[in-house]
Amino acid sequence: MVTKERIKREIDRMPNDLLEKVYKYIDGLKSPKTIKKKFHTYKLKGQFDNINVRERAYE
């Protein structure tokens, strides 16, 4: 098993010109952020303010 200390030692021994490549590789391993999709909203002028929409849908 590789430990953080061992990885840090290896990075410390690397020449400076390779550090940028290592950084890009590590940055590429990160999981992508989720993109929130916007959905269209409708202007209903308060029609559904005081009712239980879910209950009315199942009537």
Protein backbone atom coordinates (compact mmCIF):
# COMPACT_ATOMS: atom_id res chain seq x y z
CA MET A 1 0.00 0.00 0.00
CA VAL A 2 1.29 3.45 -0.92
CA THR A 3 1.18 6.09 1.78
CA LYS A 4 0.97 9.85 1.49
CA GLU A 5 4.44 10.25 2.96
CA ARG A 6 5.94 8.00 0.30
CA ILE A 7 4.18 9.93 -2.48
CA LYS A 8 5.32 13.24 -0.99
CA ARG A 9 8.93 12.02 -0.87
CA GLU A 10 8.78 10.99 -4.52
CA ILE A 11 7.35 14.37 -5.53
CA ASP A 12 10.05 16.18 -3.53
CA ARG A 13 12.73 14.28 -5.47
CA MET A 14 11.24 15.13 -8.89
CA PRO A 15 12.70 17.87 -11.08
CA ASN A 16 10.66 21.08 -11.19
CA ASP A 17 9.79 20.75 -14.88
CA LEU A 18 7.85 17.53 -14.20
CA LEU A 19 5.82 18.97 -11.32
CA GLU A 20 3.41 20.70 -13.69
CA LYS A 21 2.65 17.39 -15.41
CA VAL A 22 2.06 15.72 -12.05
CA TYR A 23 -0.27 18.53 -11.01
CA LYS A 24 -2.27 18.24 -14.25
CA TYR A 25 -2.54 14.48 -13.78
CA ILE A 26 -3.78 14.84 -10.19
CA ASP A 27 -6.18 17.60 -11.22
CA GLY A 28 -7.57 15.32 -13.92
CA LEU A 29 -8.35 12.62 -11.36
CA LYS A 30 -10.82 14.80 -9.49
CA SER A 31 -14.47 14.02 -10.07
CA PRO A 32 -16.28 16.56 -12.25
CA LYS A 33 -18.67 18.93 -10.58
CA THR A 34 -22.33 18.28 -11.21
CA ILE A 35 -23.95 20.79 -13.49
CA LYS A 36 -27.33 21.95 -12.35
CA LYS A 37 -29.79 22.27 -15.19
CA LYS A 38 -32.17 25.17 -15.04
CA PHE A 39 -35.78 24.36 -15.69
CA HIS A 40 -38.38 26.66 -17.12
CA THR A 41 -40.68 28.30 -14.60
CA TYR A 42 -44.15 29.54 -15.27
CA LYS A 43 -45.81 32.64 -13.87
CA LEU A 44 -49.05 31.35 -12.38
CA LYS A 45 -49.90 34.52 -10.43
CA GLY A 46 -50.49 32.78 -7.10
CA GLN A 47 -52.99 30.18 -8.35
CA PHE A 48 -51.43 27.37 -6.33
CA ASP A 49 -50.26 29.26 -3.26
CA ASN A 50 -52.80 27.94 -0.76
CA ILE A 51 -53.52 24.44 -2.08
CA ASN A 52 -51.79 21.07 -1.81
CA VAL A 53 -50.79 20.55 -5.45
CA ARG A 54 -49.87 16.88 -4.96
CA GLU A 55 -53.25 16.12 -3.39
CA ARG A 56 -55.12 17.95 -6.15
CA ALA A 57 -53.16 16.09 -8.84
CA TYR A 58 -54.35 12.71 -7.56
CA GLU A 59 -58.04 13.70 -7.39
